[in-house]
C-alpha atoms as a PDB file:
ATOM      1  CA  UNK A   1      51.196 238.623 -24.700  1.00  0.00           C
ATOM      2  CA  UNK A   2      48.498 239.664 -27.426  1.00  0.00           C
ATOM      3  CA  UNK A   3      46.386 237.706 -29.421  1.00  0.00           C
ATOM      4  CA  UNK A   4      46.435 236.526 -32.988  1.00  0.00           C
ATOM      5  CA  UNK A   5      45.092 239.712 -35.145  1.00  0.00           C
ATOM      6  CA  UNK A   6      42.667 237.106 -36.699  1.00  0.00           C
ATOM      7  CA  UNK A   7      41.591 235.820 -33.378  1.00  0.00           C
ATOM      8  CA  UNK A   8      41.148 239.253 -32.553  1.00  0.00           C
ATOM      9  CA  UNK A   9      38.974 239.958 -35.708  1.00  0.00           C
ATOM     10  CA  UNK A  10      36.715 236.785 -35.123  1.00  0.00           C
ATOM     11  CA  UNK A  11      35.942 237.863 -31.472  1.00  0.00           C
ATOM     12  CA  UNK A  12      35.187 241.127 -32.457  1.00  0.00           C
ATOM     13  CA  UNK A  13      32.990 240.057 -35.034  1.00  0.00           C
ATOM     14  CA  UNK A  14      31.007 237.673 -32.417  1.00  0.00           C
ATOM     15  CA  UNK A  15      30.521 240.350 -30.261  1.00  0.00           C
ATOM     16  CA  UNK A  16      28.838 242.665 -33.208  1.00  0.00           C
ATOM     17  CA  UNK A  17      26.443 239.575 -34.052  1.00  0.00           C
ATOM     18  CA  UNK A  18      25.928 238.537 -30.557  1.00  0.00           C
ATOM     19  CA  UNK A  19      24.844 242.388 -29.983  1.00  0.00           C
ATOM     20  CA  UNK A  20      22.811 242.357 -33.003  1.00  0.00           C
ATOM     21  CA  UNK A  21      21.364 239.441 -31.921  1.00  0.00           C
ATOM     22  CA  UNK A  22      20.264 240.426 -28.471  1.00  0.00           C
ATOM     23  CA  UNK A  23      18.800 244.033 -29.763  1.00  0.00           C
ATOM     24  CA  UNK A  24      16.681 241.675 -31.918  1.00  0.00           C
ATOM     25  CA  UNK A  25      15.472 239.541 -28.968  1.00  0.00           C
ATOM     26  CA  UNK A  26      12.508 241.845 -27.578  1.00  0.00           C
ATOM     27  CA  UNK A  27      10.906 241.764 -31.384  1.00  0.00           C
ATOM     28  CA  UNK A  28      11.427 238.307 -31.839  1.00  0.00           C
ATOM     29  CA  UNK A  29       9.594 237.484 -28.557  1.00  0.00           C
ATOM     30  CA  UNK A  30       6.801 239.748 -29.544  1.00  0.00           C
ATOM     31  CA  UNK A  31       6.851 238.173 -32.973  1.00  0.00           C
ATOM     32  CA  UNK A  32       6.271 234.847 -31.115  1.00  0.00           C
ATOM     33  CA  UNK A  33       3.580 235.943 -29.145  1.00  0.00           C
ATOM     34  CA  UNK A  34       1.580 237.255 -31.519  1.00  0.00           C
ATOM     35  CA  UNK A  35       2.278 234.692 -34.028  1.00  0.00           C
ATOM     36  CA  UNK A  36       1.284 231.835 -30.950  1.00  0.00           C
ATOM     37  CA  UNK A  37      -1.642 234.167 -29.198  1.00  0.00           C
ATOM     38  CA  UNK A  38      -3.298 234.642 -33.179  1.00  0.00           C
ATOM     39  CA  UNK A  39      -3.257 231.000 -32.968  1.00  0.00           C
ATOM     40  CA  UNK A  40      -5.018 230.124 -29.894  1.00  0.00           C
ATOM     41  CA  UNK A  41      -7.399 232.982 -30.201  1.00  0.00           C
ATOM     42  CA  UNK A  42      -8.937 232.807 -33.042  1.00  0.00           C
ATOM     43  CA  UNK A  43      -9.169 228.787 -32.329  1.00  0.00           C
ATOM     44  CA  UNK A  44     -11.657 230.046 -29.284  1.00  0.00           C
ATOM     45  CA  UNK A  45     -13.524 232.303 -31.531  1.00  0.00           C
ATOM     46  CA  UNK A  46     -14.440 229.665 -33.740  1.00  0.00           C
ATOM     47  CA  UNK A  47     -15.858 227.834 -30.368  1.00  0.00           C
ATOM     48  CA  UNK A  48     -17.928 230.659 -29.034  1.00  0.00           C
ATOM     49  CA  UNK A  49     -19.577 231.138 -32.272  1.00  0.00           C
ATOM     50  CA  UNK A  50     -20.555 227.748 -32.818  1.00  0.00           C
ATOM     51  CA  UNK A  51     -21.381 226.587 -29.316  1.00  0.00           C
ATOM     52  CA  UNK A  52     -23.666 223.442 -30.127  1.00  0.00           C
ATOM     53  CA  UNK A  53     -20.849 222.239 -32.316  1.00  0.00           C
ATOM     54  CA  UNK A  54     -18.183 222.734 -29.973  1.00  0.00           C
ATOM     55  CA  UNK A  55     -19.738 220.953 -26.888  1.00  0.00           C
ATOM     56  CA  UNK A  56     -20.427 217.966 -29.737  1.00  0.00           C
ATOM     57  CA  UNK A  57     -16.816 218.049 -30.587  1.00  0.00           C
ATOM     58  CA  UNK A  58     -15.912 217.045 -27.004  1.00  0.00           C
ATOM     59  CA  UNK A  59     -18.569 215.253 -26.611  1.00  0.00           C
ATOM     60  CA  UNK A  60     -16.854 212.567 -29.577  1.00  0.00           C
ATOM     61  CA  UNK A  61     -14.223 213.472 -30.555  1.00  0.00           C
ATOM     62  CA  UNK A  62     -11.938 215.269 -28.539  1.00  0.00           C
ATOM     63  CA  UNK A  63     -11.360 212.920 -25.368  1.00  0.00           C
ATOM     64  CA  UNK A  64      -9.886 215.356 -22.765  1.00  0.00           C
ATOM     65  CA  UNK A  65      -8.592 213.041 -19.733  1.00  0.00           C
ATOM     66  CA  UNK A  66     -10.707 213.667 -16.192  1.00  0.00           C
ATOM     67  CA  UNK A  67     -12.853 215.943 -17.415  1.00  0.00           C
ATOM     68  CA  UNK A  68     -16.656 216.392 -18.697  1.00  0.00           C
ATOM     69  CA  UNK A  69     -16.920 217.581 -21.899  1.00  0.00           C
ATOM     70  CA  UNK A  70     -18.955 220.080 -20.809  1.00  0.00           C
ATOM     71  CA  UNK A  71     -16.341 221.546 -18.420  1.00  0.00           C
ATOM     72  CA  UNK A  72     -13.566 220.625 -20.827  1.00  0.00           C
ATOM     73  CA  UNK A  73     -15.003 222.896 -23.414  1.00  0.00           C
ATOM     74  CA  UNK A  74     -15.345 226.001 -20.833  1.00  0.00           C
ATOM     75  CA  UNK A  75     -12.238 225.248 -19.950  1.00  0.00           C
ATOM     76  CA  UNK A  76     -10.348 225.311 -23.252  1.00  0.00           C
ATOM     77  CA  UNK A  77     -12.363 227.811 -24.831  1.00  0.00           C
ATOM     78  CA  UNK A  78     -11.830 230.387 -21.912  1.00  0.00           C
ATOM     79  CA  UNK A  79      -8.095 229.633 -21.990  1.00  0.00           C
ATOM     80  CA  UNK A  80      -8.003 230.223 -25.631  1.00  0.00           C
ATOM     81  CA  UNK A  81      -9.621 233.310 -25.608  1.00  0.00           C
ATOM     82  CA  UNK A  82      -7.901 234.634 -21.857  1.00  0.00           C
ATOM     83  CA  UNK A  83      -4.303 233.209 -22.152  1.00  0.00           C
ATOM     84  CA  UNK A  84      -3.363 234.289 -25.686  1.00  0.00           C
ATOM     85  CA  UNK A  85      -4.419 238.002 -24.742  1.00  0.00           C
ATOM     86  CA  UNK A  86      -2.624 237.426 -21.682  1.00  0.00           C
ATOM     87  CA  UNK A  87       0.750 236.228 -23.852  1.00  0.00           C
ATOM     88  CA  UNK A  88       0.412 238.777 -26.551  1.00  0.00           C
ATOM     89  CA  UNK A  89      -0.007 242.175 -24.172  1.00  0.00           C
ATOM     90  CA  UNK A  90       3.088 240.303 -22.132  1.00  0.00           C
ATOM     91  CA  UNK A  91       0.500 240.578 -18.718  1.00  0.00           C
ATOM     92  CA  UNK A  92       1.937 237.129 -16.785  1.00  0.00           C
ATOM     93  CA  UNK A  93       3.487 236.514 -19.570  1.00  0.00           C
ATOM     94  CA  UNK A  94       4.883 233.009 -18.755  1.00  0.00           C
ATOM     95  CA  UNK A  95       2.228 231.719 -17.217  1.00  0.00           C
ATOM     96  CA  UNK A  96       0.214 232.170 -20.168  1.00  0.00           C
ATOM     97  CA  UNK A  97       2.566 230.607 -22.178  1.00  0.00           C
ATOM     98  CA  UNK A  98       2.882 227.437 -19.513  1.00  0.00           C
ATOM     99  CA  UNK A  99      -0.916 227.295 -19.788  1.00  0.00           C
ATOM    100  CA  UNK A 100      -0.717 227.582 -23.615  1.00  0.00           C
ATOM    101  CA  UNK A 101       1.414 224.874 -23.506  1.00  0.00           C
ATOM    102  CA  UNK A 102      -0.851 222.501 -21.402  1.00  0.00           C
ATOM    103  CA  UNK A 103      -4.011 223.193 -23.334  1.00  0.00           C
ATOM    104  CA  UNK A 104      -1.529 222.195 -26.576  1.00  0.00           C
ATOM    105  CA  UNK A 105      -0.575 219.130 -24.864  1.00  0.00           C
ATOM    106  CA  UNK A 106      -4.003 218.698 -24.046  1.00  0.00           C
ATOM    107  CA  UNK A 107      -5.037 219.327 -27.682  1.00  0.00           C
ATOM    108  CA  UNK A 108      -2.704 216.817 -29.076  1.00  0.00           C
ATOM    109  CA  UNK A 109      -3.336 213.682 -26.625  1.00  0.00           C
ATOM    110  CA  UNK A 110      -7.114 214.088 -26.477  1.00  0.00           C
ATOM    111  CA  UNK A 111      -7.432 213.532 -30.423  1.00  0.00           C
ATOM    112  CA  UNK A 112      -8.330 210.132 -30.998  1.00  0.00           C
ATOM    113  CA  UNK A 113      -6.446 210.352 -34.843  1.00  0.00           C
ATOM    114  CA  UNK A 114      -4.125 213.300 -36.136  1.00  0.00           C
ATOM    115  CA  UNK A 115      -2.705 214.414 -39.652  1.00  0.00           C
ATOM    116  CA  UNK A 116       1.198 214.885 -39.027  1.00  0.00           C
ATOM    117  CA  UNK A 117       1.161 218.427 -40.770  1.00  0.00           C
ATOM    118  CA  UNK A 118      -1.222 219.340 -37.746  1.00  0.00           C
ATOM    119  CA  UNK A 119       1.275 217.408 -35.366  1.00  0.00           C
ATOM    120  CA  UNK A 120       4.054 219.262 -36.686  1.00  0.00           C
ATOM    121  CA  UNK A 121       1.966 222.916 -35.992  1.00  0.00           C
ATOM    122  CA  UNK A 122       1.392 221.822 -32.602  1.00  0.00           C
ATOM    123  CA  UNK A 123       4.967 221.004 -32.350  1.00  0.00           C
ATOM    124  CA  UNK A 124       6.305 224.471 -33.709  1.00  0.00           C
ATOM    125  CA  UNK A 125       3.588 226.290 -31.245  1.00  0.00           C
ATOM    126  CA  UNK A 126       4.818 224.136 -28.225  1.00  0.00           C
ATOM    127  CA  UNK A 127       8.231 224.991 -28.661  1.00  0.00           C
ATOM    128  CA  UNK A 128       7.421 228.332 -29.316  1.00  0.00           C
ATOM    129  CA  UNK A 129       5.894 228.650 -25.881  1.00  0.00           C
ATOM    130  CA  UNK A 130       8.230 226.936 -24.269  1.00  0.00           C
ATOM    131  CA  UNK A 131      10.954 229.177 -25.117  1.00  0.00           C
ATOM    132  CA  UNK A 132       8.769 232.162 -24.281  1.00  0.00           C
ATOM    133  CA  UNK A 133       8.203 230.571 -20.562  1.00  0.00           C
ATOM    134  CA  UNK A 134      12.285 229.747 -20.274  1.00  0.00           C
ATOM    135  CA  UNK A 135      13.283 232.609 -21.381  1.00  0.00           C
ATOM    136  CA  UNK A 136      10.666 235.444 -20.151  1.00  0.00           C
ATOM    137  CA  UNK A 137       8.197 237.037 -22.980  1.00  0.00           C
ATOM    138  CA  UNK A 138      10.557 239.907 -23.455  1.00  0.00           C
ATOM    139  CA  UNK A 139      11.588 243.831 -22.402  1.00  0.00           C
ATOM    140  CA  UNK A 140       8.568 244.702 -24.893  1.00  0.00           C
ATOM    141  CA  UNK A 141       5.921 243.609 -22.544  1.00  0.00           C
ATOM    142  CA  UNK A 142       3.592 245.116 -19.240  1.00  0.00           C
ATOM    143  CA  UNK A 143       5.318 242.715 -17.323  1.00  0.00           C
ATOM    144  CA  UNK A 144       8.313 244.430 -18.347  1.00  0.00           C
ATOM    145  CA  UNK A 145       6.952 247.705 -18.073  1.00  0.00           C
ATOM    146  CA  UNK A 146       4.553 246.952 -14.991  1.00  0.00           C
ATOM    147  CA  UNK A 147       5.547 244.322 -13.060  1.00  0.00           C
ATOM    148  CA  UNK A 148       9.113 244.320 -12.683  1.00  0.00           C
ATOM    149  CA  UNK A 149       9.382 247.569 -11.634  1.00  0.00           C
ATOM    150  CA  UNK A 150       6.328 247.062  -9.062  1.00  0.00           C
ATOM    151  CA  UNK A 151       8.424 244.068  -7.823  1.00  0.00           C
ATOM    152  CA  UNK A 152      11.984 246.114  -7.797  1.00  0.00           C
ATOM    153  CA  UNK A 153       9.547 248.357  -5.413  1.00  0.00           C
ATOM    154  CA  UNK A 154       8.594 245.908  -3.329  1.00  0.00           C
ATOM    155  CA  UNK A 155      11.868 244.445  -2.637  1.00  0.00           C
ATOM    156  CA  UNK A 156      11.037 241.537  -4.468  1.00  0.00           C
ATOM    157  CA  UNK A 157      13.012 241.334  -7.219  1.00  0.00           C
ATOM    158  CA  UNK A 158      16.926 242.304  -7.724  1.00  0.00           C
ATOM    159  CA  UNK A 159      17.374 245.535  -8.773  1.00  0.00           C
END
């Protein structure tokens, strides 16, 4: 018994649409990585440009739990400079996305007050980082080009 011609047409269109969206995934992942990486990297550059102000902010305004202001400033700035580079390159991409997610959450909870627009930005970054951590950083990444083949040759990943 053959399927309804209208149903066949709808399924054919759906298949083409999903194939198109699947083919756009590497570009979408790269754009998401680039956007989030730029935001965090620029923040890190701002911190190292004026280290005294950064230390003052971590001492007075940013109340990072469990860390002294100096340690929090060094770790935060280092993370904002290293993790975005890894994320953009897609090298240890899921690790970088998770690390930036932690930094994003800490940034929100460490501020005594946060404007609604700023909170919305943090939510947007968090959603993008969560997607990259969960679904991966895409085929256009060093993880895909270098790491996965090495793991396959070592027998640590499926062929």
